[in-house]
Structures are given as C-alpha cells and as structure tokens.
C-alpha cells in the first residue's frame, strides 16, 4: 500500500520531533535507528524512506532545533532589550534546566555538533550566527552578544552537570545576575 505524500511528510515530522527530544534527553549518538523508529511506532527499516542515514537525520534535527531556538530567543533583527531580558530569564530557569528535551539544543547537543560532519557544523554555525546578529543589533555590541550567548549555553551545561538542586539554582541565578548587570551598563536605547 502506498502512502500519500502528506502521510510521508507527517511521519517524517513525527520522527524529527521524537528524535530531537530523545537526542536532547539522552544524546544523539547513544540512540539507535530502531529505537528512534520504535518511539513513533514504526520498524527500523522504514527509517530509510525518510532519511538516507542517521547523520542526515542529525543534520535535520540541528536545523529544526536551532531554527526554533532562534524564534524563541528573539528571532531575527533588532528587538527591545526588555524582551531580551525576558528571554534570558526563561533560558536560565530551573524549568529549562529540568526539561532538556523541550529546550534549546545547544547545551544538550553542542558537543555532538562539534564532533559532527562539516555540513552539520556549518548548519549550526549559520543558525547561531543569525541569533548572534539579532542580539548584536539589540545590544549594539557584537562581542557582548557572543559573550552572553556563550554564558547562557555554558551556564546550562554546568548547571545540568551538578547533582544538587541548590547548586544548579546558584549557577543559573549567578549567571543571570551577571548578564543582567552587563545589560544595565549599556547606554539607553
């Protein structure tokens, strides 16, 4: 039985969504194709009707997740600093810390992206640079945009490494406080 093009696209989207959540929760390299397909109720053999390889799936996950992160963290172009402050507060929150599958892919998949193919790394670079440009416009500083972006991702990585919820909260709160302090030193918009 042949499926419609829309059915194939819907299945592909379910596979992308499910795989992204699994990858962010468990690591992409640790999950096999059979497990990825089983999560959406299909056999491992059906995988190759949607992706040529697991690496191709990873590239699609990176593109999908980083485009969503760009939307959540300010989109493209200049935004007001109050909106950026709200985004930073949400990013450096306990809720984001505790729900890696629903959050930004950079803290969860960054190391795997760094070890990925040139194509995957280029895809990530393109999206990260788009976010950087948007924040640089808002902040009026390219270096501050890189610094804050790196601090946010690093803070989540460090907080997730900690066992103690109190230390996790300290890492997030301290990072947020320092970043907001940097923003307050900027000239008025």
N, C-alpha and C. Protein backbone atom coordinates (compact mmCIF):
# COMPACT_ATOMS: atom_id res chain seq x y z
N UNK A 1 0.84 -1.19 0.00
CA UNK A 1 0.00 0.00 0.00
C UNK A 1 0.88 1.24 0.00
N UNK A 2 0.59 2.16 -0.89
CA UNK A 2 1.34 3.41 -0.98
C UNK A 2 0.68 4.45 -0.09
N UNK A 3 1.54 5.22 0.57
CA UNK A 3 1.03 6.30 1.41
C UNK A 3 1.10 7.61 0.64
N UNK A 4 0.25 8.53 1.01
CA UNK A 4 0.25 9.84 0.36
C UNK A 4 1.49 10.62 0.75
N UNK A 5 1.80 11.63 -0.05
CA UNK A 5 2.95 12.48 0.25
C UNK A 5 2.76 13.18 1.59
N UNK A 6 1.53 13.54 1.92
CA UNK A 6 1.31 14.22 3.20
C UNK A 6 1.52 13.25 4.37
N UNK A 7 1.14 11.99 4.19
CA UNK A 7 1.39 11.00 5.24
C UNK A 7 2.89 10.82 5.46
N UNK A 8 3.63 10.74 4.38
CA UNK A 8 5.09 10.59 4.49
C UNK A 8 5.69 11.81 5.20
N UNK A 9 5.23 13.01 4.84
CA UNK A 9 5.74 14.23 5.47
C UNK A 9 5.37 14.27 6.95
N UNK A 10 4.15 13.86 7.29
CA UNK A 10 3.73 13.83 8.69
C UNK A 10 4.57 12.84 9.49
N UNK A 11 4.84 11.68 8.90
CA UNK A 11 5.68 10.68 9.58
C UNK A 11 7.09 11.21 9.77
N UNK A 12 7.61 11.86 8.74
CA UNK A 12 8.96 12.43 8.83
C UNK A 12 9.02 13.47 9.95
N UNK A 13 7.99 14.31 10.05
CA UNK A 13 7.95 15.34 11.08
C UNK A 13 7.85 14.71 12.47
N UNK A 14 7.04 13.67 12.61
CA UNK A 14 6.95 12.97 13.91
C UNK A 14 8.29 12.36 14.28
N UNK A 15 8.98 11.78 13.30
CA UNK A 15 10.30 11.20 13.54
C UNK A 15 11.29 12.27 13.96
N UNK A 16 11.27 13.41 13.29
CA UNK A 16 12.15 14.52 13.66
C UNK A 16 11.88 15.01 15.07
N UNK A 17 10.62 15.22 15.38
CA UNK A 17 10.26 15.71 16.71
C UNK A 17 10.64 14.72 17.80
N UNK A 18 10.28 13.47 17.61
CA UNK A 18 10.58 12.44 18.60
C UNK A 18 12.08 12.24 18.75
N UNK A 19 12.79 12.22 17.62
CA UNK A 19 14.25 12.04 17.65
C UNK A 19 14.95 13.20 18.33
N UNK A 20 14.46 14.41 18.09
CA UNK A 20 15.07 15.59 18.72
C UNK A 20 14.92 15.52 20.24
N UNK A 21 13.76 15.15 20.70
CA UNK A 21 13.54 15.03 22.14
C UNK A 21 14.44 13.96 22.73
N UNK A 22 14.49 12.79 22.08
CA UNK A 22 15.36 11.72 22.57
C UNK A 22 16.82 12.16 22.56
N UNK A 23 17.24 12.81 21.49
CA UNK A 23 18.63 13.25 21.39
C UNK A 23 18.98 14.24 22.48
N UNK A 24 18.08 15.18 22.76
CA UNK A 24 18.36 16.19 23.78
C UNK A 24 18.31 15.59 25.19
N UNK A 25 17.52 14.55 25.37
CA UNK A 25 17.44 13.91 26.68
C UNK A 25 18.55 12.89 26.92
N UNK A 26 18.92 12.14 25.87
CA UNK A 26 19.83 11.01 26.04
C UNK A 26 21.14 11.13 25.27
N UNK A 27 21.23 12.07 24.34
CA UNK A 27 22.37 12.15 23.44
C UNK A 27 22.02 11.46 22.14
N UNK A 28 22.37 12.06 21.03
CA UNK A 28 22.00 11.51 19.73
C UNK A 28 22.77 10.23 19.42
N UNK A 29 24.04 10.21 19.73
CA UNK A 29 24.86 9.06 19.35
C UNK A 29 24.50 7.80 20.13
N UNK A 30 23.84 7.94 21.26
CA UNK A 30 23.51 6.76 22.07
C UNK A 30 22.23 6.06 21.64
N UNK A 31 21.45 6.70 20.79
CA UNK A 31 20.16 6.13 20.39
C UNK A 31 20.27 5.55 18.98
N UNK A 32 19.87 4.30 18.82
CA UNK A 32 19.92 3.64 17.52
C UNK A 32 18.70 3.94 16.68
N UNK A 33 18.83 3.65 15.39
CA UNK A 33 17.74 3.88 14.45
C UNK A 33 16.48 3.10 14.86
N UNK A 34 16.65 1.85 15.28
CA UNK A 34 15.50 1.04 15.68
C UNK A 34 14.74 1.69 16.84
N UNK A 35 15.47 2.20 17.82
CA UNK A 35 14.82 2.86 18.96
C UNK A 35 14.13 4.15 18.54
N UNK A 36 14.74 4.89 17.63
CA UNK A 36 14.13 6.13 17.14
C UNK A 36 12.81 5.83 16.44
N UNK A 37 12.80 4.78 15.63
CA UNK A 37 11.59 4.43 14.90
C UNK A 37 10.54 3.81 15.81
N UNK A 38 10.97 2.99 16.75
CA UNK A 38 10.04 2.36 17.69
C UNK A 38 9.27 3.42 18.48
N UNK A 39 9.94 4.54 18.78
CA UNK A 39 9.30 5.61 19.55
C UNK A 39 8.09 6.20 18.82
N UNK A 40 8.06 6.07 17.50
CA UNK A 40 6.89 6.57 16.76
C UNK A 40 6.06 5.42 16.19
N UNK A 41 6.35 4.20 16.63
CA UNK A 41 5.54 3.06 16.27
C UNK A 41 5.83 2.45 14.91
N UNK A 42 7.05 2.63 14.40
CA UNK A 42 7.41 2.05 13.10
C UNK A 42 8.64 1.16 13.23
N UNK A 43 8.89 0.37 12.21
CA UNK A 43 10.06 -0.51 12.21
C UNK A 43 11.30 0.28 11.79
N UNK A 44 12.45 -0.25 12.16
CA UNK A 44 13.71 0.40 11.81
C UNK A 44 13.92 0.53 10.31
N UNK A 45 13.44 -0.44 9.54
CA UNK A 45 13.61 -0.40 8.10
C UNK A 45 12.91 0.79 7.44
N UNK A 46 11.83 1.26 8.03
CA UNK A 46 11.09 2.40 7.48
C UNK A 46 11.88 3.71 7.57
N UNK A 47 12.89 3.73 8.42
CA UNK A 47 13.70 4.93 8.61
C UNK A 47 14.24 5.46 7.28
N UNK A 48 14.73 4.55 6.44
CA UNK A 48 15.43 4.95 5.23
C UNK A 48 14.52 5.47 4.13
N UNK A 49 13.22 5.42 4.34
CA UNK A 49 12.32 6.09 3.40
C UNK A 49 12.24 7.59 3.72
N UNK A 50 12.75 7.97 4.89
CA UNK A 50 12.70 9.37 5.31
C UNK A 50 14.08 10.04 5.32
N UNK A 51 15.10 9.27 5.64
CA UNK A 51 16.46 9.81 5.73
C UNK A 51 17.43 8.80 5.14
N UNK A 52 18.44 9.29 4.46
CA UNK A 52 19.44 8.42 3.86
C UNK A 52 20.39 7.82 4.87
N UNK A 53 20.53 8.47 6.01
CA UNK A 53 21.45 7.99 7.05
C UNK A 53 21.09 8.64 8.38
N UNK A 54 21.66 8.11 9.43
CA UNK A 54 21.46 8.71 10.75
C UNK A 54 22.09 10.09 10.81
N UNK A 55 23.21 10.29 10.10
CA UNK A 55 23.84 11.61 10.05
C UNK A 55 22.92 12.63 9.38
N UNK A 56 22.20 12.21 8.35
CA UNK A 56 21.26 13.12 7.70
C UNK A 56 20.15 13.52 8.68
N UNK A 57 19.68 12.56 9.45
CA UNK A 57 18.68 12.87 10.48
C UNK A 57 19.26 13.87 11.48
N UNK A 58 20.48 13.66 11.91
CA UNK A 58 21.10 14.58 12.87
C UNK A 58 21.16 16.00 12.29
N UNK A 59 21.56 16.12 11.04
CA UNK A 59 21.59 17.43 10.40
C UNK A 59 20.22 18.09 10.38
N UNK A 60 19.19 17.30 10.12
CA UNK A 60 17.82 17.84 10.11
C UNK A 60 17.37 18.24 11.50
N UNK A 61 17.78 17.46 12.51
CA UNK A 61 17.45 17.82 13.89
C UNK A 61 18.12 19.14 14.26
N UNK A 62 19.40 19.28 13.91
CA UNK A 62 20.12 20.52 14.22
C UNK A 62 19.43 21.71 13.57
N UNK A 63 19.09 21.58 12.30
CA UNK A 63 18.42 22.68 11.60
C UNK A 63 17.09 23.03 12.27
N UNK A 64 16.29 22.01 12.53
CA UNK A 64 14.96 22.22 13.13
C UNK A 64 15.07 22.86 14.51
N UNK A 65 15.91 22.28 15.36
CA UNK A 65 16.02 22.75 16.73
C UNK A 65 16.61 24.15 16.83
N UNK A 66 17.63 24.42 16.05
CA UNK A 66 18.25 25.76 16.13
C UNK A 66 17.36 26.83 15.51
N UNK A 67 16.57 26.47 14.51
CA UNK A 67 15.63 27.46 13.97
C UNK A 67 14.56 27.78 15.02
N UNK A 68 14.13 26.76 15.78
CA UNK A 68 13.16 27.01 16.85
C UNK A 68 13.80 27.83 17.98
N UNK A 69 15.04 27.56 18.29
CA UNK A 69 15.74 28.35 19.32
C UNK A 69 15.84 29.80 18.89
N UNK A 70 16.13 30.04 17.61
CA UNK A 70 16.21 31.40 17.11
C UNK A 70 14.88 32.12 17.30
N UNK A 71 13.79 31.45 16.99
CA UNK A 71 12.46 32.04 17.19
C UNK A 71 12.21 32.37 18.66
N UNK A 72 12.51 31.41 19.55
CA UNK A 72 12.25 31.60 20.98
C UNK A 72 13.15 32.67 21.59
N UNK A 73 14.35 32.80 21.08
CA UNK A 73 15.32 33.70 21.71
C UNK A 73 15.40 35.06 21.04
N UNK A 74 14.46 35.38 20.22
CA UNK A 74 14.44 36.74 19.73
C UNK A 74 14.28 36.91 18.24
N UNK A 75 14.22 35.83 17.51
CA UNK A 75 14.04 35.96 16.07
C UNK A 75 15.19 36.68 15.42
N UNK A 76 14.93 37.17 14.25
CA UNK A 76 15.98 37.88 13.53
C UNK A 76 15.67 39.37 13.56
N UNK A 77 16.70 40.16 13.58
CA UNK A 77 16.53 41.60 13.60
C UNK A 77 16.47 42.14 15.02
N UNK A 78 16.44 43.40 15.10
CA UNK A 78 16.50 44.09 16.38
C UNK A 78 15.22 43.87 17.18
N UNK A 79 15.37 43.66 18.46
CA UNK A 79 14.24 43.57 19.38
C UNK A 79 14.53 44.53 20.54
N UNK A 80 13.58 44.74 21.39
CA UNK A 80 13.88 45.63 22.51
C UNK A 80 14.57 44.82 23.61
N UNK A 81 15.30 45.51 24.44
CA UNK A 81 16.09 44.86 25.48
C UNK A 81 15.23 44.21 26.55
N UNK A 82 14.04 44.75 26.78
CA UNK A 82 13.16 44.12 27.77
C UNK A 82 12.77 42.71 27.32
N UNK A 83 12.48 42.55 26.05
CA UNK A 83 12.16 41.23 25.53
C UNK A 83 13.37 40.30 25.66
N UNK A 84 14.55 40.81 25.38
CA UNK A 84 15.76 40.02 25.53
C UNK A 84 15.95 39.60 26.99
N UNK A 85 15.70 40.52 27.92
CA UNK A 85 15.81 40.17 29.35
C UNK A 85 14.85 39.04 29.72
N UNK A 86 13.61 39.10 29.21
CA UNK A 86 12.64 38.04 29.48
C UNK A 86 13.11 36.71 28.90
N UNK A 87 13.65 36.75 27.70
CA UNK A 87 14.18 35.52 27.08
C UNK A 87 15.31 34.94 27.92
N UNK A 88 16.19 35.79 28.40
CA UNK A 88 17.33 35.33 29.21
C UNK A 88 16.85 34.72 30.52
N UNK A 89 15.85 35.35 31.12
CA UNK A 89 15.31 34.82 32.38
C UNK A 89 14.72 33.43 32.17
N UNK A 90 14.00 33.25 31.08
CA UNK A 90 13.40 31.95 30.78
C UNK A 90 14.49 30.93 30.44
N UNK A 91 15.49 31.35 29.69
CA UNK A 91 16.56 30.44 29.28
C UNK A 91 17.33 29.94 30.50
N UNK A 92 17.61 30.83 31.43
CA UNK A 92 18.39 30.48 32.62
C UNK A 92 17.46 30.13 33.79
N UNK A 93 16.43 29.37 33.49
CA UNK A 93 15.45 29.00 34.51
C UNK A 93 15.59 27.54 34.90
N UNK A 94 15.06 27.21 36.07
CA UNK A 94 15.05 25.82 36.54
C UNK A 94 14.17 24.98 35.60
N UNK A 95 13.08 25.54 35.10
CA UNK A 95 12.21 24.79 34.19
C UNK A 95 12.99 24.36 32.94
N UNK A 96 13.78 25.26 32.37
CA UNK A 96 14.59 24.92 31.19
C UNK A 96 15.64 23.88 31.56
N UNK A 97 16.23 24.04 32.71
CA UNK A 97 17.24 23.10 33.20
C UNK A 97 16.65 21.68 33.30
N UNK A 98 15.46 21.58 33.85
CA UNK A 98 14.85 20.28 34.14
C UNK A 98 14.18 19.63 32.93
N UNK A 99 14.03 20.37 31.85
CA UNK A 99 13.35 19.83 30.67
C UNK A 99 14.22 19.97 29.42
N UNK A 100 15.34 19.28 29.39
CA UNK A 100 16.24 19.43 28.24
C UNK A 100 15.58 19.06 26.91
N UNK A 101 14.68 18.09 26.92
CA UNK A 101 14.03 17.68 25.68
C UNK A 101 13.14 18.75 25.08
N UNK A 102 12.68 19.68 25.89
CA UNK A 102 11.81 20.75 25.41
C UNK A 102 12.56 22.06 25.19
N UNK A 103 13.85 22.08 25.49
CA UNK A 103 14.60 23.34 25.45
C UNK A 103 15.57 23.44 24.29
N UNK A 104 16.49 24.35 24.45
CA UNK A 104 17.50 24.67 23.45
C UNK A 104 18.42 23.47 23.22
N UNK A 105 18.75 23.24 21.96
CA UNK A 105 19.62 22.12 21.59
C UNK A 105 21.09 22.39 21.86
N UNK A 106 21.49 23.64 21.99
CA UNK A 106 22.92 23.93 22.13
C UNK A 106 23.53 23.33 23.39
N UNK A 107 22.93 23.48 24.56
CA UNK A 107 23.54 22.87 25.74
C UNK A 107 23.51 21.34 25.73
N UNK A 108 22.52 20.76 25.07
CA UNK A 108 22.38 19.31 25.09
C UNK A 108 23.12 18.63 23.95
N UNK A 109 23.18 19.25 22.80
CA UNK A 109 23.78 18.61 21.63
C UNK A 109 25.06 19.30 21.15
N UNK A 110 25.49 20.35 21.84
CA UNK A 110 26.65 21.12 21.39
C UNK A 110 27.90 20.28 21.17
N UNK A 111 28.21 19.39 22.10
CA UNK A 111 29.40 18.56 21.95
C UNK A 111 29.26 17.61 20.77
N UNK A 112 28.07 17.08 20.55
CA UNK A 112 27.86 16.19 19.41
C UNK A 112 27.91 16.96 18.09
N UNK A 113 27.41 18.18 18.10
CA UNK A 113 27.51 19.02 16.91
C UNK A 113 28.98 19.28 16.60
N UNK A 114 29.76 19.58 17.63
CA UNK A 114 31.19 19.86 17.44
C UNK A 114 31.93 18.66 16.84
N UNK A 115 31.47 17.46 17.14
CA UNK A 115 32.08 16.25 16.59
C UNK A 115 31.42 15.81 15.29
N UNK A 116 30.40 16.52 14.87
CA UNK A 116 29.64 16.15 13.68
C UNK A 116 30.36 16.48 12.39
N UNK A 117 29.69 16.18 11.31
CA UNK A 117 30.25 16.45 9.98
C UNK A 117 30.37 17.95 9.75
N UNK A 118 31.15 18.30 8.76
CA UNK A 118 31.30 19.71 8.40
C UNK A 118 29.94 20.31 8.05
N UNK A 119 29.10 19.52 7.39
CA UNK A 119 27.77 20.01 7.00
C UNK A 119 26.92 20.32 8.23
N UNK A 120 26.95 19.46 9.21
CA UNK A 120 26.18 19.69 10.44
C UNK A 120 26.73 20.90 11.18
N UNK A 121 28.03 20.99 11.28
CA UNK A 121 28.64 22.14 11.96
C UNK A 121 28.34 23.45 11.23
N UNK A 122 28.34 23.41 9.90
CA UNK A 122 28.02 24.60 9.11
C UNK A 122 26.57 25.02 9.35
N UNK A 123 25.67 24.04 9.37
CA UNK A 123 24.25 24.32 9.64
C UNK A 123 24.11 25.00 11.00
N UNK A 124 24.76 24.44 12.01
CA UNK A 124 24.70 25.02 13.35
C UNK A 124 25.29 26.42 13.35
N UNK A 125 26.42 26.59 12.70
CA UNK A 125 27.05 27.91 12.64
C UNK A 125 26.13 28.94 12.01
N UNK A 126 25.47 28.56 10.93
CA UNK A 126 24.56 29.50 10.25
C UNK A 126 23.47 29.98 11.20
N UNK A 127 22.84 29.06 11.93
CA UNK A 127 21.75 29.44 12.84
C UNK A 127 22.28 30.23 14.04
N UNK A 128 23.41 29.81 14.59
CA UNK A 128 23.97 30.52 15.74
C UNK A 128 24.38 31.94 15.34
N UNK A 129 24.93 32.09 14.17
CA UNK A 129 25.32 33.43 13.71
C UNK A 129 24.10 34.32 13.47
N UNK A 130 23.00 33.73 13.04
CA UNK A 130 21.77 34.52 12.88
C UNK A 130 21.29 35.03 14.23
N UNK A 131 21.33 34.16 15.24
CA UNK A 131 20.95 34.59 16.59
C UNK A 131 21.92 35.65 17.09
N UNK A 132 23.19 35.44 16.88
CA UNK A 132 24.19 36.41 17.30
C UNK A 132 23.93 37.78 16.67
N UNK A 133 23.66 37.81 15.37
CA UNK A 133 23.39 39.09 14.69
C UNK A 133 22.19 39.80 15.30
N UNK A 134 21.13 39.04 15.60
CA UNK A 134 19.94 39.65 16.20
C UNK A 134 20.27 40.25 17.56
N UNK A 135 20.99 39.49 18.39
CA UNK A 135 21.35 40.01 19.71
C UNK A 135 22.33 41.17 19.59
N UNK A 136 23.26 41.11 18.64
CA UNK A 136 24.23 42.20 18.47
C UNK A 136 23.52 43.50 18.09
N UNK A 137 22.48 43.39 17.26
CA UNK A 137 21.71 44.58 16.91
C UNK A 137 21.01 45.14 18.14
N UNK A 138 20.43 44.28 18.92
CA UNK A 138 19.71 44.71 20.11
C UNK A 138 20.65 45.33 21.13
N UNK A 139 21.82 44.73 21.30
CA UNK A 139 22.77 45.16 22.33
C UNK A 139 23.72 46.25 21.84
N UNK A 140 23.83 46.39 20.54
CA UNK A 140 24.78 47.36 20.00
C UNK A 140 26.23 46.92 20.16
N UNK A 141 26.44 45.62 20.30
CA UNK A 141 27.80 45.11 20.52
C UNK A 141 27.89 43.65 20.08
N UNK A 142 28.74 43.40 19.11
CA UNK A 142 28.94 42.02 18.66
C UNK A 142 29.61 41.18 19.74
N UNK A 143 30.59 41.76 20.41
CA UNK A 143 31.32 40.97 21.43
C UNK A 143 30.42 40.65 22.62
N UNK A 144 29.57 41.58 23.03
CA UNK A 144 28.66 41.31 24.14
C UNK A 144 27.65 40.23 23.74
N UNK A 145 27.19 40.25 22.51
CA UNK A 145 26.25 39.22 22.05
C UNK A 145 26.90 37.83 22.10
N UNK A 146 28.15 37.71 21.63
CA UNK A 146 28.85 36.42 21.72
C UNK A 146 29.04 36.01 23.17
N UNK A 147 29.41 36.96 24.01
CA UNK A 147 29.65 36.67 25.41
C UNK A 147 28.39 36.16 26.11
N UNK A 148 27.28 36.83 25.92
CA UNK A 148 26.03 36.44 26.57
C UNK A 148 25.54 35.10 26.03
N UNK A 149 25.63 34.91 24.73
CA UNK A 149 25.23 33.63 24.15
C UNK A 149 26.05 32.49 24.76
N UNK A 150 27.34 32.68 24.85
CA UNK A 150 28.23 31.66 25.42
C UNK A 150 27.96 31.44 26.90
N UNK A 151 27.73 32.51 27.64
CA UNK A 151 27.42 32.39 29.06
C UNK A 151 26.13 31.61 29.29
N UNK A 152 25.13 31.87 28.49
CA UNK A 152 23.84 31.18 28.65
C UNK A 152 23.99 29.68 28.42
N UNK A 153 24.60 29.32 27.31
CA UNK A 153 24.77 27.90 26.98
C UNK A 153 25.65 27.24 28.04
N UNK A 154 26.75 27.88 28.38
CA UNK A 154 27.66 27.32 29.38
C UNK A 154 27.02 27.17 30.75
N UNK A 155 26.21 28.13 31.14
CA UNK A 155 25.55 28.05 32.44
C UNK A 155 24.63 26.84 32.51
N UNK A 156 23.89 26.58 31.44
CA UNK A 156 23.00 25.41 31.44
C UNK A 156 23.80 24.12 31.47
N UNK A 157 24.89 24.07 30.73
CA UNK A 157 25.73 22.86 30.73
C UNK A 157 26.26 22.60 32.13
N UNK A 158 26.81 23.63 32.76
CA UNK A 158 27.38 23.46 34.11
C UNK A 158 26.28 23.11 35.11
N UNK A 159 25.15 23.79 35.05
CA UNK A 159 24.06 23.51 36.00
C UNK A 159 23.56 22.08 35.85
N UNK A 160 23.46 21.60 34.61
CA UNK A 160 22.99 20.22 34.40
C UNK A 160 24.01 19.18 34.87
N UNK A 161 25.26 19.57 34.99
CA UNK A 161 26.29 18.65 35.50
C UNK A 161 26.19 18.48 37.01
N UNK A 162 25.60 19.43 37.68
CA UNK A 162 25.52 19.41 39.13
C UNK A 162 24.43 18.46 39.60
N UNK A 163 24.64 17.85 40.75
CA UNK A 163 23.67 16.94 41.35
C UNK A 163 22.72 17.71 42.27
N UNK A 164 23.25 18.65 43.00
CA UNK A 164 22.48 19.40 43.99
C UNK A 164 21.59 20.46 43.31
N UNK A 165 20.28 20.41 43.56
CA UNK A 165 19.39 21.44 43.02
C UNK A 165 19.78 22.85 43.50
N UNK A 166 20.29 22.95 44.73
CA UNK A 166 20.71 24.26 45.23
C UNK A 166 21.86 24.83 44.41
N UNK A 167 22.83 23.98 44.09
CA UNK A 167 23.97 24.45 43.29
C UNK A 167 23.51 24.76 41.86
N UNK A 168 22.62 23.95 41.33
CA UNK A 168 22.08 24.22 40.00
C UNK A 168 21.44 25.61 39.96
N UNK A 169 20.61 25.89 40.97
CA UNK A 169 19.95 27.19 41.03
C UNK A 169 20.96 28.32 41.20
N UNK A 170 22.01 28.09 41.98
CA UNK A 170 23.05 29.12 42.15
C UNK A 170 23.74 29.42 40.83
N UNK A 171 24.06 28.38 40.07
CA UNK A 171 24.71 28.58 38.77
C UNK A 171 23.83 29.42 37.87
N UNK A 172 22.56 29.06 37.77
CA UNK A 172 21.63 29.80 36.90
C UNK A 172 21.42 31.23 37.38
N UNK A 173 21.17 31.39 38.68
CA UNK A 173 20.91 32.73 39.23
C UNK A 173 22.14 33.62 39.11
N UNK A 174 23.30 33.09 39.39
CA UNK A 174 24.54 33.88 39.29
C UNK A 174 24.79 34.32 37.85
N UNK A 175 24.59 33.40 36.92
CA UNK A 175 24.80 33.73 35.51
C UNK A 175 23.80 34.79 35.06
N UNK A 176 22.54 34.62 35.46
CA UNK A 176 21.52 35.60 35.09
C UNK A 176 21.87 36.98 35.68
N UNK A 177 22.26 37.00 36.93
CA UNK A 177 22.61 38.26 37.59
C UNK A 177 23.77 38.97 36.87
N UNK A 178 24.79 38.20 36.50
CA UNK A 178 25.94 38.80 35.82
C UNK A 178 25.58 39.32 34.44
N UNK A 179 24.77 38.58 33.72
CA UNK A 179 24.36 39.01 32.38
C UNK A 179 23.51 40.27 32.47
N UNK A 180 22.56 40.29 33.39
CA UNK A 180 21.70 41.47 33.54
C UNK A 180 22.56 42.67 33.95
N UNK A 181 23.55 42.44 34.79
CA UNK A 181 24.48 43.53 35.16
C UNK A 181 25.18 44.11 33.94
N UNK A 182 25.56 43.24 33.01
CA UNK A 182 26.19 43.72 31.77
C UNK A 182 25.21 44.54 30.94
N UNK A 183 23.96 44.09 30.90
CA UNK A 183 22.95 44.81 30.12
C UNK A 183 22.65 46.18 30.72
N UNK A 184 22.66 46.25 32.04
CA UNK A 184 22.36 47.52 32.69
C UNK A 184 23.44 48.57 32.48
N UNK A 185 24.63 48.14 32.13
CA UNK A 185 25.73 49.07 31.87
C UNK A 185 25.66 49.66 30.47
N UNK A 186 24.80 49.13 29.62
CA UNK A 186 24.67 49.63 28.25
C UNK A 186 23.97 50.99 28.25
N UNK A 187 24.29 51.84 27.29
CA UNK A 187 23.56 53.11 27.18
C UNK A 187 22.09 52.84 26.85
N UNK A 188 21.24 53.74 27.23
CA UNK A 188 19.79 53.60 26.95
C UNK A 188 19.57 53.46 25.45
N UNK A 189 18.48 52.76 25.12
CA UNK A 189 18.13 52.55 23.70
C UNK A 189 17.65 53.83 23.08
